[in-house]
Amino acid sequence: MRHYAILRLLLAGFFLYIAWPIIPYATTNTELIFWGGWLAFLLLVVGANFATLLQMTRPPVMEQEEYNGRSRDFH
């Protein structure tokens, strides 16, 4: 299910594309803390999805393929 990780990376890139022009206008400490936290979270999301793409970690449980131990033949 690599396409889910790719879609999440594209969505994170889109959010960064939207937020990037606004970040330099942060003037107060509250705004700087918010954008710093937002960028840190974005890096975590991007890193986790790259780790999934490179198969360094297992994908989330909902995206793992389920293999049934028994196979049934229906004729």
PDB file of N, CA and C in Angstrom:
ATOM      1  N   MET A   1       0.824  -1.182   0.000  1.00  0.00           N
ATOM      2  CA  MET A   1       0.000   0.000   0.000  1.00  0.00           C
ATOM      3  C   MET A   1       0.877   1.257   0.000  1.00  0.00           C
ATOM      4  N   ARG A   2       1.830   1.273  -0.883  1.00  0.00           N
ATOM      5  CA  ARG A   2       2.748   2.399  -0.958  1.00  0.00           C
ATOM      6  C   ARG A   2       2.046   3.665  -1.420  1.00  0.00           C
ATOM      7  N   HIS A   3       0.947   3.521  -2.134  1.00  0.00           N
ATOM      8  CA  HIS A   3       0.291   4.713  -2.668  1.00  0.00           C
ATOM      9  C   HIS A   3      -0.283   5.594  -1.559  1.00  0.00           C
ATOM     10  N   TYR A   4      -0.633   5.020  -0.408  1.00  0.00           N
ATOM     11  CA  TYR A   4      -1.116   5.840   0.708  1.00  0.00           C
ATOM     12  C   TYR A   4       0.003   6.736   1.235  1.00  0.00           C
ATOM     13  N   ALA A   5       1.206   6.194   1.346  1.00  0.00           N
ATOM     14  CA  ALA A   5       2.333   7.000   1.816  1.00  0.00           C
ATOM     15  C   ALA A   5       2.647   8.105   0.811  1.00  0.00           C
ATOM     16  N   ILE A   6       2.570   7.797  -0.465  1.00  0.00           N
ATOM     17  CA  ILE A   6       2.817   8.803  -1.497  1.00  0.00           C
ATOM     18  C   ILE A   6       1.752   9.893  -1.435  1.00  0.00           C
ATOM     19  N   LEU A   7       0.502   9.496  -1.248  1.00  0.00           N
ATOM     20  CA  LEU A   7      -0.572  10.491  -1.138  1.00  0.00           C
ATOM     21  C   LEU A   7      -0.396  11.381   0.084  1.00  0.00           C
ATOM     22  N   ARG A   8       0.032  10.808   1.201  1.00  0.00           N
ATOM     23  CA  ARG A   8       0.263  11.618   2.400  1.00  0.00           C
ATOM     24  C   ARG A   8       1.425  12.584   2.193  1.00  0.00           C
ATOM     25  N   LEU A   9       2.467  12.147   1.475  1.00  0.00           N
ATOM     26  CA  LEU A   9       3.576  13.055   1.178  1.00  0.00           C
ATOM     27  C   LEU A   9       3.129  14.192   0.263  1.00  0.00           C
ATOM     28  N   LEU A  10       2.305  13.877  -0.711  1.00  0.00           N
ATOM     29  CA  LEU A  10       1.791  14.924  -1.591  1.00  0.00           C
ATOM     30  C   LEU A  10       0.914  15.909  -0.824  1.00  0.00           C
ATOM     31  N   LEU A  11       0.097  15.409   0.090  1.00  0.00           N
ATOM     32  CA  LEU A  11      -0.746  16.291   0.900  1.00  0.00           C
ATOM     33  C   LEU A  11       0.100  17.176   1.812  1.00  0.00           C
ATOM     34  N   ALA A  12       1.147  16.613   2.408  1.00  0.00           N
ATOM     35  CA  ALA A  12       2.037  17.408   3.247  1.00  0.00           C
ATOM     36  C   ALA A  12       2.745  18.473   2.408  1.00  0.00           C
ATOM     37  N   GLY A  13       3.151  18.118   1.202  1.00  0.00           N
ATOM     38  CA  GLY A  13       3.767  19.100   0.314  1.00  0.00           C
ATOM     39  C   GLY A  13       2.809  20.201  -0.069  1.00  0.00           C
ATOM     40  N   PHE A  14       1.556  19.860  -0.289  1.00  0.00           N
ATOM     41  CA  PHE A  14       0.536  20.862  -0.602  1.00  0.00           C
ATOM     42  C   PHE A  14       0.332  21.813   0.571  1.00  0.00           C
ATOM     43  N   PHE A  15       0.254  21.266   1.789  1.00  0.00           N
ATOM     44  CA  PHE A  15       0.105  22.120   2.966  1.00  0.00           C
ATOM     45  C   PHE A  15       1.305  23.053   3.132  1.00  0.00           C
ATOM     46  N   LEU A  16       2.495  22.546   2.878  1.00  0.00           N
ATOM     47  CA  LEU A  16       3.676  23.393   2.964  1.00  0.00           C
ATOM     48  C   LEU A  16       3.635  24.472   1.886  1.00  0.00           C
ATOM     49  N   TYR A  17       3.170  24.130   0.706  1.00  0.00           N
ATOM     50  CA  TYR A  17       3.043  25.092  -0.381  1.00  0.00           C
ATOM     51  C   TYR A  17       2.087  26.233  -0.007  1.00  0.00           C
ATOM     52  N   ILE A  18       1.009  25.886   0.674  1.00  0.00           N
ATOM     53  CA  ILE A  18       0.030  26.896   1.103  1.00  0.00           C
ATOM     54  C   ILE A  18       0.589  27.734   2.257  1.00  0.00           C
ATOM     55  N   ALA A  19       1.306  27.115   3.195  1.00  0.00           N
ATOM     56  CA  ALA A  19       1.745  27.821   4.396  1.00  0.00           C
ATOM     57  C   ALA A  19       3.026  28.617   4.194  1.00  0.00           C
ATOM     58  N   TRP A  20       3.856  28.239   3.238  1.00  0.00           N
ATOM     59  CA  TRP A  20       5.173  28.857   3.107  1.00  0.00           C
ATOM     60  C   TRP A  20       5.129  30.377   2.951  1.00  0.00           C
ATOM     61  N   PRO A  21       4.240  30.950   2.147  1.00  0.00           N
ATOM     62  CA  PRO A  21       4.228  32.418   2.030  1.00  0.00           C
ATOM     63  C   PRO A  21       3.796  33.135   3.305  1.00  0.00           C
ATOM     64  N   ILE A  22       3.082  32.466   4.191  1.00  0.00           N
ATOM     65  CA  ILE A  22       2.560  33.096   5.402  1.00  0.00           C
ATOM     66  C   ILE A  22       3.586  33.065   6.538  1.00  0.00           C
ATOM     67  N   ILE A  23       4.463  32.083   6.536  1.00  0.00           N
ATOM     68  CA  ILE A  23       5.404  31.897   7.647  1.00  0.00           C
ATOM     69  C   ILE A  23       6.306  33.116   7.871  1.00  0.00           C
ATOM     70  N   PRO A  24       6.851  33.761   6.860  1.00  0.00           N
ATOM     71  CA  PRO A  24       7.737  34.913   7.128  1.00  0.00           C
ATOM     72  C   PRO A  24       7.044  36.105   7.790  1.00  0.00           C
ATOM     73  N   TYR A  25       5.726  36.166   7.727  1.00  0.00           N
ATOM     74  CA  TYR A  25       5.007  37.284   8.329  1.00  0.00           C
ATOM     75  C   TYR A  25       4.726  37.077   9.813  1.00  0.00           C
ATOM     76  N   ALA A  26       5.205  36.001  10.398  1.00  0.00           N
ATOM     77  CA  ALA A  26       5.008  35.754  11.828  1.00  0.00           C
ATOM     78  C   ALA A  26       5.851  36.754  12.616  1.00  0.00           C
ATOM     79  N   THR A  27       5.203  37.517  13.481  1.00  0.00           N
ATOM     80  CA  THR A  27       5.918  38.555  14.214  1.00  0.00           C
ATOM     81  C   THR A  27       5.940  38.318  15.720  1.00  0.00           C
ATOM     82  N   THR A  28       4.880  37.786  16.276  1.00  0.00           N
ATOM     83  CA  THR A  28       4.841  37.596  17.730  1.00  0.00           C
ATOM     84  C   THR A  28       5.435  36.243  18.097  1.00  0.00           C
ATOM     85  N   ASN A  29       5.755  36.100  19.359  1.00  0.00           N
ATOM     86  CA  ASN A  29       6.309  34.834  19.838  1.00  0.00           C
ATOM     87  C   ASN A  29       5.314  33.698  19.666  1.00  0.00           C
ATOM     88  N   THR A  30       4.047  33.983  19.869  1.00  0.00           N
ATOM     89  CA  THR A  30       3.021  32.952  19.714  1.00  0.00           C
ATOM     90  C   THR A  30       2.988  32.439  18.278  1.00  0.00           C
ATOM     91  N   GLU A  31       3.070  33.351  17.325  1.00  0.00           N
ATOM     92  CA  GLU A  31       3.075  32.936  15.923  1.00  0.00           C
ATOM     93  C   GLU A  31       4.330  32.135  15.589  1.00  0.00           C
ATOM     94  N   LEU A  32       5.474  32.564  16.111  1.00  0.00           N
ATOM     95  CA  LEU A  32       6.715  31.845  15.842  1.00  0.00           C
ATOM     96  C   LEU A  32       6.689  30.439  16.440  1.00  0.00           C
ATOM     97  N   ILE A  33       6.138  30.319  17.642  1.00  0.00           N
ATOM     98  CA  ILE A  33       6.026  28.995  18.268  1.00  0.00           C
ATOM     99  C   ILE A  33       5.066  28.114  17.476  1.00  0.00           C
ATOM    100  N   PHE A  34       3.962  28.690  17.033  1.00  0.00           N
ATOM    101  CA  PHE A  34       3.002  27.919  16.248  1.00  0.00           C
ATOM    102  C   PHE A  34       3.649  27.403  14.962  1.00  0.00           C
ATOM    103  N   TRP A  35       4.288  28.287  14.198  1.00  0.00           N
ATOM    104  CA  TRP A  35       4.869  27.848  12.926  1.00  0.00           C
ATOM    105  C   TRP A  35       6.051  26.921  13.133  1.00  0.00           C
ATOM    106  N   GLY A  36       6.809  27.123  14.208  1.00  0.00           N
ATOM    107  CA  GLY A  36       7.891  26.185  14.518  1.00  0.00           C
ATOM    108  C   GLY A  36       7.357  24.802  14.835  1.00  0.00           C
ATOM    109  N   GLY A  37       6.301  24.737  15.629  1.00  0.00           N
ATOM    110  CA  GLY A  37       5.667  23.443  15.934  1.00  0.00           C
ATOM    111  C   GLY A  37       5.054  22.809  14.705  1.00  0.00           C
ATOM    112  N   TRP A  38       4.457  23.640  13.871  1.00  0.00           N
ATOM    113  CA  TRP A  38       3.842  23.130  12.646  1.00  0.00           C
ATOM    114  C   TRP A  38       4.891  22.533  11.716  1.00  0.00           C
ATOM    115  N   LEU A  39       6.012  23.224  11.561  1.00  0.00           N
ATOM    116  CA  LEU A  39       7.089  22.706  10.711  1.00  0.00           C
ATOM    117  C   LEU A  39       7.719  21.447  11.295  1.00  0.00           C
ATOM    118  N   ALA A  40       7.847  21.382  12.629  1.00  0.00           N
ATOM    119  CA  ALA A  40       8.377  20.175  13.266  1.00  0.00           C
ATOM    120  C   ALA A  40       7.438  18.987  13.025  1.00  0.00           C
ATOM    121  N   PHE A  41       6.142  19.217  13.170  1.00  0.00           N
ATOM    122  CA  PHE A  41       5.172  18.155  12.911  1.00  0.00           C
ATOM    123  C   PHE A  41       5.206  17.725  11.443  1.00  0.00           C
ATOM    124  N   LEU A  42       5.353  18.691  10.544  1.00  0.00           N
ATOM    125  CA  LEU A  42       5.454  18.374   9.123  1.00  0.00           C
ATOM    126  C   LEU A  42       6.666  17.497   8.850  1.00  0.00           C
ATOM    127  N   LEU A  43       7.797  17.804   9.481  1.00  0.00           N
ATOM    128  CA  LEU A  43       8.992  16.978   9.299  1.00  0.00           C
ATOM    129  C   LEU A  43       8.784  15.559   9.830  1.00  0.00           C
ATOM    130  N   LEU A  44       8.067  15.430  10.936  1.00  0.00           N
ATOM    131  CA  LEU A  44       7.762  14.096  11.459  1.00  0.00           C
ATOM    132  C   LEU A  44       6.885  13.305  10.486  1.00  0.00           C
ATOM    133  N   VAL A  45       5.888  13.961   9.930  1.00  0.00           N
ATOM    134  CA  VAL A  45       4.996  13.293   8.980  1.00  0.00           C
ATOM    135  C   VAL A  45       5.762  12.870   7.730  1.00  0.00           C
ATOM    136  N   VAL A  46       6.581  13.766   7.201  1.00  0.00           N
ATOM    137  CA  VAL A  46       7.346  13.453   5.997  1.00  0.00           C
ATOM    138  C   VAL A  46       8.345  12.330   6.280  1.00  0.00           C
ATOM    139  N   GLY A  47       9.028  12.397   7.409  1.00  0.00           N
ATOM    140  CA  GLY A  47       9.992  11.353   7.757  1.00  0.00           C
ATOM    141  C   GLY A  47       9.345   9.990   7.938  1.00  0.00           C
ATOM    142  N   ALA A  48       8.202   9.955   8.595  1.00  0.00           N
ATOM    143  CA  ALA A  48       7.512   8.683   8.803  1.00  0.00           C
ATOM    144  C   ALA A  48       7.041   8.087   7.485  1.00  0.00           C
ATOM    145  N   ASN A  49       6.563   8.927   6.579  1.00  0.00           N
ATOM    146  CA  ASN A  49       6.093   8.404   5.304  1.00  0.00           C
ATOM    147  C   ASN A  49       7.246   7.968   4.405  1.00  0.00           C
ATOM    148  N   PHE A  50       8.380   8.666   4.473  1.00  0.00           N
ATOM    149  CA  PHE A  50       9.547   8.202   3.736  1.00  0.00           C
ATOM    150  C   PHE A  50      10.051   6.887   4.302  1.00  0.00           C
ATOM    151  N   ALA A  51      10.001   6.721   5.621  1.00  0.00           N
ATOM    152  CA  ALA A  51      10.406   5.460   6.234  1.00  0.00           C
ATOM    153  C   ALA A  51       9.492   4.325   5.773  1.00  0.00           C
ATOM    154  N   THR A  52       8.207   4.601   5.630  1.00  0.00           N
ATOM    155  CA  THR A  52       7.286   3.592   5.126  1.00  0.00           C
ATOM    156  C   THR A  52       7.576   3.275   3.663  1.00  0.00           C
ATOM    157  N   LEU A  53       7.846   4.300   2.867  1.00  0.00           N
ATOM    158  CA  LEU A  53       8.151   4.076   1.449  1.00  0.00           C
ATOM    159  C   LEU A  53       9.425   3.270   1.267  1.00  0.00           C
ATOM    160  N   LEU A  54      10.429   3.557   2.081  1.00  0.00           N
ATOM    161  CA  LEU A  54      11.702   2.839   1.974  1.00  0.00           C
ATOM    162  C   LEU A  54      11.681   1.514   2.719  1.00  0.00           C
ATOM    163  N   GLN A  55      10.543   1.154   3.263  1.00  0.00           N
ATOM    164  CA  GLN A  55      10.308  -0.093   3.989  1.00  0.00           C
ATOM    165  C   GLN A  55      11.253  -0.246   5.174  1.00  0.00           C
ATOM    166  N   MET A  56      11.526   0.864   5.835  1.00  0.00           N
ATOM    167  CA  MET A  56      12.329   0.830   7.056  1.00  0.00           C
ATOM    168  C   MET A  56      11.452   0.481   8.252  1.00  0.00           C
ATOM    169  N   THR A  57      10.162   0.776   8.145  1.00  0.00           N
ATOM    170  CA  THR A  57       9.196   0.431   9.184  1.00  0.00           C
ATOM    171  C   THR A  57       8.027  -0.285   8.522  1.00  0.00           C
ATOM    172  N   ARG A  58       7.238  -0.926   9.344  1.00  0.00           N
ATOM    173  CA  ARG A  58       6.033  -1.558   8.815  1.00  0.00           C
ATOM    174  C   ARG A  58       4.964  -0.506   8.617  1.00  0.00           C
ATOM    175  N   PRO A  59       4.126  -0.671   7.603  1.00  0.00           N
ATOM    176  CA  PRO A  59       3.046   0.305   7.410  1.00  0.00           C
ATOM    177  C   PRO A  59       2.050   0.243   8.568  1.00  0.00           C
ATOM    178  N   PRO A  60       1.221   1.267   8.719  1.00  0.00           N
ATOM    179  CA  PRO A  60       0.203   1.228   9.778  1.00  0.00           C
ATOM    180  C   PRO A  60      -0.687  -0.003   9.648  1.00  0.00           C
ATOM    181  N   VAL A  61      -1.276  -0.407  10.752  1.00  0.00           N
ATOM    182  CA  VAL A  61      -2.055  -1.645  10.796  1.00  0.00           C
ATOM    183  C   VAL A  61      -3.179  -1.634   9.775  1.00  0.00           C
ATOM    184  N   MET A  62      -3.820  -0.492   9.587  1.00  0.00           N
ATOM    185  CA  MET A  62      -4.948  -0.426   8.650  1.00  0.00           C
ATOM    186  C   MET A  62      -4.499  -0.628   7.205  1.00  0.00           C
ATOM    187  N   GLU A  63      -3.209  -0.408   6.920  1.00  0.00           N
ATOM    188  CA  GLU A  63      -2.730  -0.525   5.551  1.00  0.00           C
ATOM    189  C   GLU A  63      -2.011  -1.839   5.283  1.00  0.00           C
ATOM    190  N   GLN A  64      -1.847  -2.653   6.295  1.00  0.00           N
ATOM    191  CA  GLN A  64      -1.179  -3.934   6.083  1.00  0.00           C
ATOM    192  C   GLN A  64      -2.146  -4.893   5.420  1.00  0.00           C
ATOM    193  N   GLU A  65      -1.612  -5.641   4.483  1.00  0.00           N
ATOM    194  CA  GLU A  65      -2.457  -6.608   3.795  1.00  0.00           C
ATOM    195  C   GLU A  65      -2.700  -7.796   4.705  1.00  0.00           C
ATOM    196  N   GLU A  66      -3.931  -8.258   4.690  1.00  0.00           N
ATOM    197  CA  GLU A  66      -4.310  -9.368   5.554  1.00  0.00           C
ATOM    198  C   GLU A  66      -4.230 -10.660   4.759  1.00  0.00           C
ATOM    199  N   TYR A  67      -3.465 -11.581   5.293  1.00  0.00           N
ATOM    200  CA  TYR A  67      -3.334 -12.882   4.651  1.00  0.00           C
ATOM    201  C   TYR A  67      -4.046 -13.920   5.503  1.00  0.00           C
ATOM    202  N   ASN A  68      -4.961 -14.629   4.894  1.00  0.00           N
ATOM    203  CA  ASN A  68      -5.692 -15.668   5.606  1.00  0.00           C
ATOM    204  C   ASN A  68      -4.877 -16.939   5.546  1.00  0.00           C
ATOM    205  N   GLY A  69      -4.727 -17.593   6.679  1.00  0.00           N
ATOM    206  CA  GLY A  69      -3.926 -18.810   6.750  1.00  0.00           C
ATOM    207  C   GLY A  69      -4.501 -19.940   5.941  1.00  0.00           C
ATOM    208  N   ARG A  70      -5.818 -20.016   5.863  1.00  0.00           N
ATOM    209  CA  ARG A  70      -6.467 -21.077   5.104  1.00  0.00           C
ATOM    210  C   ARG A  70      -6.917 -20.554   3.767  1.00  0.00           C
ATOM    211  N   SER A  71      -6.716 -21.341   2.768  1.00  0.00           N
ATOM    212  CA  SER A  71      -7.245 -20.973   1.455  1.00  0.00           C
ATOM    213  C   SER A  71      -8.396 -21.918   1.144  1.00  0.00           C
ATOM    214  N   ARG A  72      -9.420 -21.361   0.606  1.00  0.00           N
ATOM    215  CA  ARG A  72     -10.604 -22.154   0.281  1.00  0.00           C
ATOM    216  C   ARG A  72     -10.777 -22.200  -1.221  1.00  0.00           C
ATOM    217  N   ASP A  73     -11.045 -23.360  -1.706  1.00  0.00           N
ATOM    218  CA  ASP A  73     -11.308 -23.511  -3.136  1.00  0.00           C
ATOM    219  C   ASP A  73     -12.799 -23.695  -3.338  1.00  0.00           C
ATOM    220  N   PHE A  74     -13.370 -22.772  -4.042  1.00  0.00           N
ATOM    221  CA  PHE A  74     -14.787 -22.877  -4.370  1.00  0.00           C
ATOM    222  C   PHE A  74     -14.892 -23.263  -5.846  1.00  0.00           C
ATOM    223  N   HIS A  75     -15.602 -24.348  -6.088  1.00  0.00           N
ATOM    224  CA  HIS A  75     -15.764 -24.792  -7.478  1.00  0.00           C
ATOM    225  C   HIS A  75     -17.131 -24.479  -7.954  1.00  0.00           C
TER     226      HIS A  75
END
